[in-house]
Amino acid sequence: MMSTCRDAALTQIKGDGLSKVIGDYLEQASGVSDGQSTGVAIVRQSKGKISGMGVYDCCAIDNDTGSCVKVGEKENWEQCMCVGYMKFPGGQRAFESKASEAQAQ
């Protein structure tokens, strides 16, 4: 079940999940209301430049608490939470610059 959950998370990240996450980040950071559109634009413009997307630090979710199952407790992996990432050329500063450009358009 763990590998199925990780695979599903990776599929979501490689789909539009990362664009949504970037959009949410932009909305919180700058207060723009169209952050998700900007996130989609950034990922589209950078498609050939992004060297990798993936997931790490996955954990099974405790259905009662909605948080990661504590170490030593039984994991069922019906639901999981993972951290998604992308390798953006130039790192975070380049991403922030690209985000500013996309918001200005």
Protein backbone atom coordinates (compact mmCIF):
# COMPACT_ATOMS: atom_id res chain seq x y z
CA MET A 1 0.00 0.00 0.00
CA MET A 2 2.88 2.39 0.75
CA SER A 3 4.22 2.23 -2.81
CA THR A 4 0.72 2.70 -4.25
CA CYS A 5 0.23 5.80 -2.13
CA ARG A 6 3.64 7.20 -3.13
CA ASP A 7 2.94 6.47 -6.82
CA ALA A 8 -0.42 8.26 -6.62
CA ALA A 9 1.22 11.28 -4.97
CA LEU A 10 3.90 11.39 -7.68
CA THR A 11 1.25 11.16 -10.42
CA GLN A 12 -0.60 14.08 -8.87
CA ILE A 13 2.58 16.17 -8.56
CA LYS A 14 3.54 15.48 -12.17
CA GLY A 15 0.01 16.40 -13.26
CA ASP A 16 -1.33 19.73 -12.09
CA GLY A 17 -0.68 19.26 -8.38
CA LEU A 18 2.56 21.19 -8.36
CA SER A 19 0.99 24.09 -10.28
CA LYS A 20 -1.72 24.28 -7.62
CA VAL A 21 0.83 24.21 -4.81
CA ILE A 22 2.86 26.96 -6.47
CA GLY A 23 -0.33 28.97 -6.97
CA ASP A 24 -1.28 28.62 -3.31
CA TYR A 25 2.24 29.72 -2.34
CA LEU A 26 2.00 32.78 -4.58
CA GLU A 27 -1.41 33.73 -3.20
CA GLN A 28 -0.12 33.56 0.37
CA ALA A 29 3.18 35.31 -0.38
CA SER A 30 1.85 38.19 -2.44
CA GLY A 31 -1.89 38.28 -1.89
CA VAL A 32 -2.71 37.85 -5.59
CA SER A 33 -6.03 36.18 -6.18
CA ASP A 34 -5.00 34.39 -9.37
CA GLY A 35 -2.03 32.53 -7.91
CA GLN A 36 -3.08 29.19 -9.36
CA SER A 37 -3.20 30.63 -12.88
CA THR A 38 0.25 32.11 -12.30
CA GLY A 39 1.47 28.77 -10.95
CA VAL A 40 0.23 26.98 -14.06
CA ALA A 41 1.93 29.62 -16.25
CA ILE A 42 5.25 29.25 -14.42
CA VAL A 43 5.24 25.47 -14.76
CA ARG A 44 4.24 25.65 -18.46
CA GLN A 45 6.90 28.24 -19.29
CA SER A 46 9.52 26.21 -17.47
CA LYS A 47 8.52 22.70 -18.63
CA GLY A 48 11.73 22.05 -20.54
CA LYS A 49 13.87 23.57 -17.80
CA ILE A 50 12.53 21.66 -14.80
CA SER A 51 14.98 18.81 -14.33
CA GLY A 52 12.89 16.66 -12.06
CA MET A 53 9.79 16.32 -9.95
CA GLY A 54 9.29 13.87 -7.16
CA VAL A 55 8.01 13.07 -3.71
CA TYR A 56 9.73 12.29 -0.44
CA ASP A 57 9.01 12.10 3.25
CA CYS A 58 5.71 10.27 2.78
CA CYS A 59 3.77 9.16 5.82
CA ALA A 60 0.58 7.21 6.42
CA ILE A 61 -2.29 9.35 7.71
CA ASP A 62 -4.07 8.58 10.98
CA ASN A 63 -7.78 8.75 10.08
CA ASP A 64 -8.71 10.01 13.55
CA THR A 65 -6.25 12.92 13.70
CA GLY A 66 -5.61 13.70 10.04
CA SER A 67 -1.89 13.79 10.85
CA CYS A 68 0.97 11.40 10.18
CA VAL A 69 0.81 8.14 12.10
CA LYS A 70 3.18 8.30 15.06
CA VAL A 71 6.31 6.16 14.98
CA GLY A 72 5.59 2.66 16.26
CA GLU A 73 1.83 2.83 15.61
CA LYS A 74 0.11 0.70 12.96
CA GLU A 75 0.18 2.21 9.46
CA ASN A 76 -2.56 1.31 6.98
CA TRP A 77 -1.53 3.61 4.07
CA GLU A 78 -5.15 4.11 2.93
CA GLN A 79 -4.25 7.80 2.89
CA CYS A 80 -0.82 9.36 2.86
CA MET A 81 0.84 12.74 2.83
CA CYS A 82 4.02 13.42 0.88
CA VAL A 83 6.25 16.40 0.19
CA GLY A 84 6.44 17.17 -3.52
CA TYR A 85 9.35 18.96 -5.15
CA MET A 86 10.69 20.16 -8.46
CA LYS A 87 14.23 21.02 -9.43
CA PHE A 88 13.99 24.54 -10.83
CA PRO A 89 17.04 25.90 -12.69
CA GLY A 90 18.67 28.57 -10.55
CA GLY A 91 16.87 27.45 -7.40
CA GLN A 92 14.46 29.40 -5.25
CA ARG A 93 15.63 32.88 -6.27
CA ALA A 94 15.19 32.08 -9.94
CA PHE A 95 11.73 30.70 -9.17
CA GLU A 96 10.77 33.86 -7.27
CA SER A 97 12.03 36.01 -10.15
CA LYS A 98 10.03 33.94 -12.65
CA ALA A 99 6.96 34.25 -10.42
CA SER A 100 7.32 38.05 -10.32
CA GLU A 101 7.60 38.17 -14.12
CA ALA A 102 4.54 35.96 -14.57
CA GLN A 103 2.46 38.04 -12.14
CA ALA A 104 3.38 41.24 -14.00
CA GLN A 105 2.02 39.89 -17.29
